[in-house]
Every structure is written in structure tokens, then in C-alpha cells.
Amino acid sequence: MPATRLEQLLRFYKEDPNDPFSLYGLALEYQKSDVNESVQYFDQLLTNFPDYLPAYYHAAKLKASLGKNENALKIYKLGIDLAKSLNERKAQQELQSAYDELVFEME
């Protein structure tokens, strides 16, 4: 019987816990079934791999969906700053747009 995507990601993480992609994949996969677990993986990812740019957008979106808007804004801002420092204009624009949209919704 083939392993599920979640089982595969858990295996990859066990094999190499220092691979941020495994944590990122787990965080995204858990969004479908266990939001609290997803939050924990995103928090771990942002703490242990702060230069892993793809995590910021999804982590902030998740926090905002849970009503943790201030935390989401902080994550967006950190991602925007990281994208600027890496000269990743597209990611910077996506993060900025999401940030601006959340600020607008909060007003």
C-alpha cells in the first residue's frame, strides 16, 4: 500500500530534520486536517529557518484565518524584509499585497 503524502513528509522529516522543505510540506499538509499542528510546524519553521522565504506568506495567512491578525502582520513584515534583503521582488510584492489587504480588513 503506497504511503500517503503526510506519511512521506513525516518520513522525510525524520530522515533529515534540518531540511526546511520537509517542515514546510508538513505545515501545508496539516492545514488540511489539523490546523493546530500546521501552526506548530510553521512556528518551528520560522524559528529554525528564518531565511526560508516561502513560509512567510502561508504562515501569515494561516494566522490571519485564525483571527491572530497582529501576529500575521508581524510575519508578513518579516517576510517583506527578508524578500527585500534577498532581492526577491515578486515575493516581496505578494507579501506586501497580503499585508495591505489584511490591514484594510482590520480597519
N, C-alpha and C. Protein backbone atom coordinates (compact mmCIF):
# COMPACT_ATOMS: atom_id res chain seq x y z
N MET A 1 0.84 -1.18 0.00
CA MET A 1 0.00 0.00 0.00
C MET A 1 0.89 1.25 0.00
N PRO A 2 0.66 2.16 -0.95
CA PRO A 2 1.50 3.36 -1.02
C PRO A 2 1.28 4.27 0.19
N ALA A 3 2.33 4.92 0.59
CA ALA A 3 2.26 5.84 1.71
C ALA A 3 1.49 7.10 1.31
N THR A 4 0.79 7.67 2.26
CA THR A 4 0.11 8.93 1.99
C THR A 4 1.16 10.04 1.91
N ARG A 5 0.72 11.15 1.38
CA ARG A 5 1.63 12.31 1.29
C ARG A 5 2.13 12.70 2.68
N LEU A 6 1.24 12.70 3.65
CA LEU A 6 1.62 13.06 5.01
C LEU A 6 2.65 12.07 5.56
N GLU A 7 2.44 10.79 5.34
CA GLU A 7 3.39 9.78 5.80
C GLU A 7 4.75 9.97 5.15
N GLN A 8 4.75 10.28 3.87
CA GLN A 8 6.01 10.52 3.17
C GLN A 8 6.74 11.73 3.74
N LEU A 9 6.01 12.80 3.97
CA LEU A 9 6.61 14.01 4.52
C LEU A 9 7.16 13.77 5.92
N LEU A 10 6.43 13.03 6.73
CA LEU A 10 6.92 12.69 8.07
C LEU A 10 8.20 11.87 8.00
N ARG A 11 8.25 10.95 7.04
CA ARG A 11 9.46 10.14 6.86
C ARG A 11 10.63 11.02 6.44
N PHE A 12 10.40 11.92 5.48
CA PHE A 12 11.45 12.82 5.04
C PHE A 12 11.96 13.67 6.20
N TYR A 13 11.04 14.15 7.03
CA TYR A 13 11.41 14.97 8.17
C TYR A 13 12.25 14.17 9.17
N LYS A 14 11.84 12.94 9.42
CA LYS A 14 12.61 12.09 10.34
C LYS A 14 14.02 11.83 9.81
N GLU A 15 14.12 11.63 8.50
CA GLU A 15 15.42 11.36 7.88
C GLU A 15 16.33 12.58 7.93
N ASP A 16 15.76 13.77 7.78
CA ASP A 16 16.57 14.99 7.79
C ASP A 16 15.78 16.15 8.40
N PRO A 17 15.80 16.26 9.73
CA PRO A 17 15.06 17.34 10.38
C PRO A 17 15.62 18.73 10.11
N ASN A 18 16.77 18.80 9.45
CA ASN A 18 17.37 20.10 9.12
C ASN A 18 17.04 20.57 7.71
N ASP A 19 16.07 19.91 7.09
CA ASP A 19 15.62 20.31 5.76
C ASP A 19 14.34 21.14 5.91
N PRO A 20 14.41 22.44 5.66
CA PRO A 20 13.22 23.28 5.85
C PRO A 20 12.07 22.89 4.93
N PHE A 21 12.36 22.29 3.79
CA PHE A 21 11.29 21.93 2.87
C PHE A 21 10.37 20.88 3.50
N SER A 22 10.92 19.97 4.28
CA SER A 22 10.09 18.95 4.94
C SER A 22 9.13 19.61 5.92
N LEU A 23 9.62 20.54 6.71
CA LEU A 23 8.76 21.26 7.65
C LEU A 23 7.69 22.06 6.90
N TYR A 24 8.09 22.69 5.83
CA TYR A 24 7.15 23.48 5.02
C TYR A 24 6.06 22.58 4.46
N GLY A 25 6.46 21.44 3.91
CA GLY A 25 5.49 20.50 3.38
C GLY A 25 4.54 19.98 4.44
N LEU A 26 5.07 19.68 5.61
CA LEU A 26 4.23 19.21 6.72
C LEU A 26 3.25 20.30 7.16
N ALA A 27 3.72 21.52 7.27
CA ALA A 27 2.84 22.62 7.67
C ALA A 27 1.70 22.79 6.68
N LEU A 28 2.00 22.73 5.40
CA LEU A 28 0.97 22.88 4.38
C LEU A 28 0.01 21.69 4.39
N GLU A 29 0.55 20.50 4.54
CA GLU A 29 -0.28 19.29 4.52
C GLU A 29 -1.21 19.25 5.73
N TYR A 30 -0.71 19.63 6.89
CA TYR A 30 -1.53 19.62 8.10
C TYR A 30 -2.63 20.68 8.07
N GLN A 31 -2.51 21.69 7.23
CA GLN A 31 -3.58 22.68 7.11
C GLN A 31 -4.89 22.01 6.70
N LYS A 32 -4.80 20.89 6.02
CA LYS A 32 -5.99 20.19 5.53
C LYS A 32 -6.69 19.40 6.63
N SER A 33 -5.95 19.00 7.67
CA SER A 33 -6.54 18.09 8.65
C SER A 33 -6.39 18.51 10.11
N ASP A 34 -5.35 19.29 10.43
CA ASP A 34 -5.08 19.64 11.82
C ASP A 34 -4.39 21.00 11.86
N VAL A 35 -5.21 22.04 11.97
CA VAL A 35 -4.70 23.40 11.89
C VAL A 35 -3.70 23.69 13.02
N ASN A 36 -3.95 23.18 14.20
CA ASN A 36 -3.03 23.41 15.31
C ASN A 36 -1.66 22.81 15.03
N GLU A 37 -1.64 21.64 14.44
CA GLU A 37 -0.37 21.00 14.07
C GLU A 37 0.33 21.83 12.99
N SER A 38 -0.45 22.34 12.06
CA SER A 38 0.10 23.18 11.00
C SER A 38 0.76 24.43 11.60
N VAL A 39 0.09 25.05 12.53
CA VAL A 39 0.64 26.24 13.20
C VAL A 39 1.97 25.89 13.87
N GLN A 40 2.02 24.76 14.54
CA GLN A 40 3.26 24.36 15.22
C GLN A 40 4.40 24.17 14.23
N TYR A 41 4.12 23.54 13.09
CA TYR A 41 5.17 23.35 12.09
C TYR A 41 5.62 24.67 11.48
N PHE A 42 4.67 25.57 11.21
CA PHE A 42 5.06 26.87 10.69
C PHE A 42 5.89 27.64 11.71
N ASP A 43 5.48 27.60 12.97
CA ASP A 43 6.25 28.29 14.02
C ASP A 43 7.66 27.73 14.12
N GLN A 44 7.76 26.41 14.07
CA GLN A 44 9.08 25.76 14.13
C GLN A 44 9.92 26.16 12.91
N LEU A 45 9.30 26.18 11.76
CA LEU A 45 10.00 26.54 10.53
C LEU A 45 10.52 27.98 10.59
N LEU A 46 9.68 28.91 11.01
CA LEU A 46 10.09 30.31 11.06
C LEU A 46 11.16 30.56 12.13
N THR A 47 11.12 29.79 13.20
CA THR A 47 12.11 29.92 14.26
C THR A 47 13.45 29.33 13.85
N ASN A 48 13.41 28.13 13.30
CA ASN A 48 14.65 27.41 12.99
C ASN A 48 15.25 27.75 11.63
N PHE A 49 14.41 28.23 10.71
CA PHE A 49 14.87 28.54 9.36
C PHE A 49 14.32 29.89 8.92
N PRO A 50 14.73 30.97 9.58
CA PRO A 50 14.15 32.29 9.29
C PRO A 50 14.43 32.79 7.88
N ASP A 51 15.33 32.17 7.17
CA ASP A 51 15.62 32.59 5.79
C ASP A 51 14.82 31.81 4.75
N TYR A 52 13.90 30.96 5.20
CA TYR A 52 13.09 30.17 4.27
C TYR A 52 11.87 30.99 3.85
N LEU A 53 12.06 31.77 2.82
CA LEU A 53 11.09 32.78 2.38
C LEU A 53 9.69 32.23 2.08
N PRO A 54 9.53 31.08 1.43
CA PRO A 54 8.18 30.63 1.10
C PRO A 54 7.25 30.46 2.30
N ALA A 55 7.81 30.26 3.48
CA ALA A 55 6.98 30.00 4.66
C ALA A 55 6.19 31.22 5.12
N TYR A 56 6.70 32.41 4.88
CA TYR A 56 6.11 33.61 5.47
C TYR A 56 4.68 33.88 4.99
N TYR A 57 4.46 33.76 3.71
CA TYR A 57 3.12 34.04 3.17
C TYR A 57 2.09 33.09 3.77
N HIS A 58 2.37 31.80 3.71
CA HIS A 58 1.40 30.80 4.16
C HIS A 58 1.23 30.82 5.68
N ALA A 59 2.31 31.03 6.41
CA ALA A 59 2.21 31.11 7.87
C ALA A 59 1.35 32.30 8.28
N ALA A 60 1.56 33.43 7.65
CA ALA A 60 0.78 34.62 7.98
C ALA A 60 -0.69 34.45 7.60
N LYS A 61 -0.95 33.86 6.44
CA LYS A 61 -2.33 33.61 6.00
C LYS A 61 -3.04 32.72 7.01
N LEU A 62 -2.35 31.69 7.47
CA LEU A 62 -2.94 30.78 8.45
C LEU A 62 -3.26 31.52 9.75
N LYS A 63 -2.32 32.30 10.23
CA LYS A 63 -2.54 33.06 11.47
C LYS A 63 -3.74 34.00 11.31
N ALA A 64 -3.82 34.67 10.17
CA ALA A 64 -4.94 35.58 9.92
C ALA A 64 -6.27 34.82 9.90
N SER A 65 -6.27 33.64 9.30
CA SER A 65 -7.51 32.85 9.24
C SER A 65 -7.97 32.42 10.62
N LEU A 66 -7.05 32.38 11.57
CA LEU A 66 -7.37 32.02 12.95
C LEU A 66 -7.67 33.24 13.82
N GLY A 67 -7.70 34.43 13.18
CA GLY A 67 -8.01 35.65 13.90
C GLY A 67 -6.82 36.25 14.63
N LYS A 68 -5.64 35.75 14.37
CA LYS A 68 -4.42 36.26 15.00
C LYS A 68 -3.78 37.29 14.07
N ASN A 69 -4.52 38.37 13.86
CA ASN A 69 -4.14 39.36 12.86
C ASN A 69 -2.84 40.07 13.16
N GLU A 70 -2.62 40.45 14.39
CA GLU A 70 -1.38 41.16 14.74
C GLU A 70 -0.16 40.26 14.50
N ASN A 71 -0.30 39.00 14.86
CA ASN A 71 0.78 38.04 14.62
C ASN A 71 1.00 37.86 13.12
N ALA A 72 -0.09 37.80 12.37
CA ALA A 72 0.01 37.66 10.92
C ALA A 72 0.73 38.85 10.30
N LEU A 73 0.39 40.06 10.76
CA LEU A 73 1.04 41.26 10.23
C LEU A 73 2.54 41.23 10.52
N LYS A 74 2.90 40.79 11.70
CA LYS A 74 4.32 40.70 12.06
C LYS A 74 5.05 39.72 11.13
N ILE A 75 4.42 38.58 10.86
CA ILE A 75 5.03 37.58 9.98
C ILE A 75 5.15 38.14 8.56
N TYR A 76 4.10 38.78 8.07
CA TYR A 76 4.19 39.40 6.74
C TYR A 76 5.35 40.39 6.68
N LYS A 77 5.46 41.24 7.70
CA LYS A 77 6.52 42.26 7.71
C LYS A 77 7.90 41.62 7.70
N LEU A 78 8.09 40.58 8.50
CA LEU A 78 9.37 39.87 8.49
C LEU A 78 9.66 39.29 7.11
N GLY A 79 8.63 38.74 6.48
CA GLY A 79 8.79 38.18 5.14
C GLY A 79 9.12 39.25 4.11
N ILE A 80 8.47 40.39 4.22
CA ILE A 80 8.74 41.51 3.31
C ILE A 80 10.20 41.95 3.45
N ASP A 81 10.64 42.09 4.68
CA ASP A 81 12.03 42.49 4.92
C ASP A 81 13.02 41.46 4.38
N LEU A 82 12.71 40.19 4.58
CA LEU A 82 13.58 39.13 4.07
C LEU A 82 13.61 39.16 2.55
N ALA A 83 12.44 39.29 1.92
CA ALA A 83 12.38 39.33 0.47
C ALA A 83 13.19 40.49 -0.09
N LYS A 84 13.10 41.65 0.58
CA LYS A 84 13.90 42.81 0.16
C LYS A 84 15.39 42.48 0.23
N SER A 85 15.80 41.88 1.34
CA SER A 85 17.23 41.59 1.53
C SER A 85 17.73 40.55 0.53
N LEU A 86 16.84 39.68 0.07
CA LEU A 86 17.21 38.65 -0.91
C LEU A 86 16.98 39.12 -2.35
N ASN A 87 16.47 40.33 -2.48
CA ASN A 87 16.14 40.90 -3.80
C ASN A 87 15.13 40.02 -4.55
N GLU A 88 14.15 39.52 -3.81
CA GLU A 88 13.07 38.70 -4.37
C GLU A 88 11.84 39.58 -4.54
N ARG A 89 11.80 40.31 -5.64
CA ARG A 89 10.77 41.31 -5.86
C ARG A 89 9.35 40.72 -5.92
N LYS A 90 9.18 39.60 -6.60
CA LYS A 90 7.85 39.01 -6.73
C LYS A 90 7.32 38.60 -5.36
N ALA A 91 8.14 37.92 -4.58
CA ALA A 91 7.72 37.51 -3.24
C ALA A 91 7.44 38.73 -2.37
N GLN A 92 8.27 39.75 -2.49
CA GLN A 92 8.07 40.98 -1.73
C GLN A 92 6.71 41.59 -2.07
N GLN A 93 6.39 41.65 -3.35
CA GLN A 93 5.11 42.24 -3.77
C GLN A 93 3.93 41.41 -3.28
N GLU A 94 4.04 40.08 -3.33
CA GLU A 94 2.96 39.22 -2.86
C GLU A 94 2.74 39.40 -1.36
N LEU A 95 3.83 39.43 -0.61
CA LEU A 95 3.73 39.63 0.83
C LEU A 95 3.17 41.01 1.17
N GLN A 96 3.62 42.02 0.45
CA GLN A 96 3.13 43.38 0.68
C GLN A 96 1.64 43.49 0.37
N SER A 97 1.20 42.88 -0.71
CA SER A 97 -0.22 42.91 -1.07
C SER A 97 -1.07 42.23 0.00
N ALA A 98 -0.61 41.08 0.48
CA ALA A 98 -1.34 40.36 1.52
C ALA A 98 -1.37 41.18 2.82
N TYR A 99 -0.24 41.80 3.14
CA TYR A 99 -0.15 42.68 4.32
C TYR A 99 -1.16 43.82 4.21
N ASP A 100 -1.13 44.50 3.07
CA ASP A 100 -2.03 45.64 2.86
C ASP A 100 -3.49 45.22 2.92
N GLU A 101 -3.80 44.07 2.36
CA GLU A 101 -5.18 43.56 2.37
C GLU A 101 -5.64 43.29 3.80
N LEU A 102 -4.78 42.70 4.61
CA LEU A 102 -5.14 42.41 5.99
C LEU A 102 -5.32 43.71 6.79
N VAL A 103 -4.43 44.67 6.57
CA VAL A 103 -4.58 45.96 7.25
C VAL A 103 -5.92 46.60 6.88
N PHE A 104 -6.27 46.54 5.60
CA PHE A 104 -7.55 47.09 5.13
C PHE A 104 -8.72 46.39 5.80
N GLU A 105 -8.67 45.07 5.89
CA GLU A 105 -9.75 44.30 6.51
C GLU A 105 -9.89 44.62 7.99
N MET A 106 -8.78 44.97 8.64
CA MET A 106 -8.81 45.24 10.07
C MET A 106 -9.36 46.62 10.40
N GLU A 107 -9.38 47.50 9.42
CA GLU A 107 -9.85 48.88 9.67
C GLU A 107 -11.34 48.97 9.76
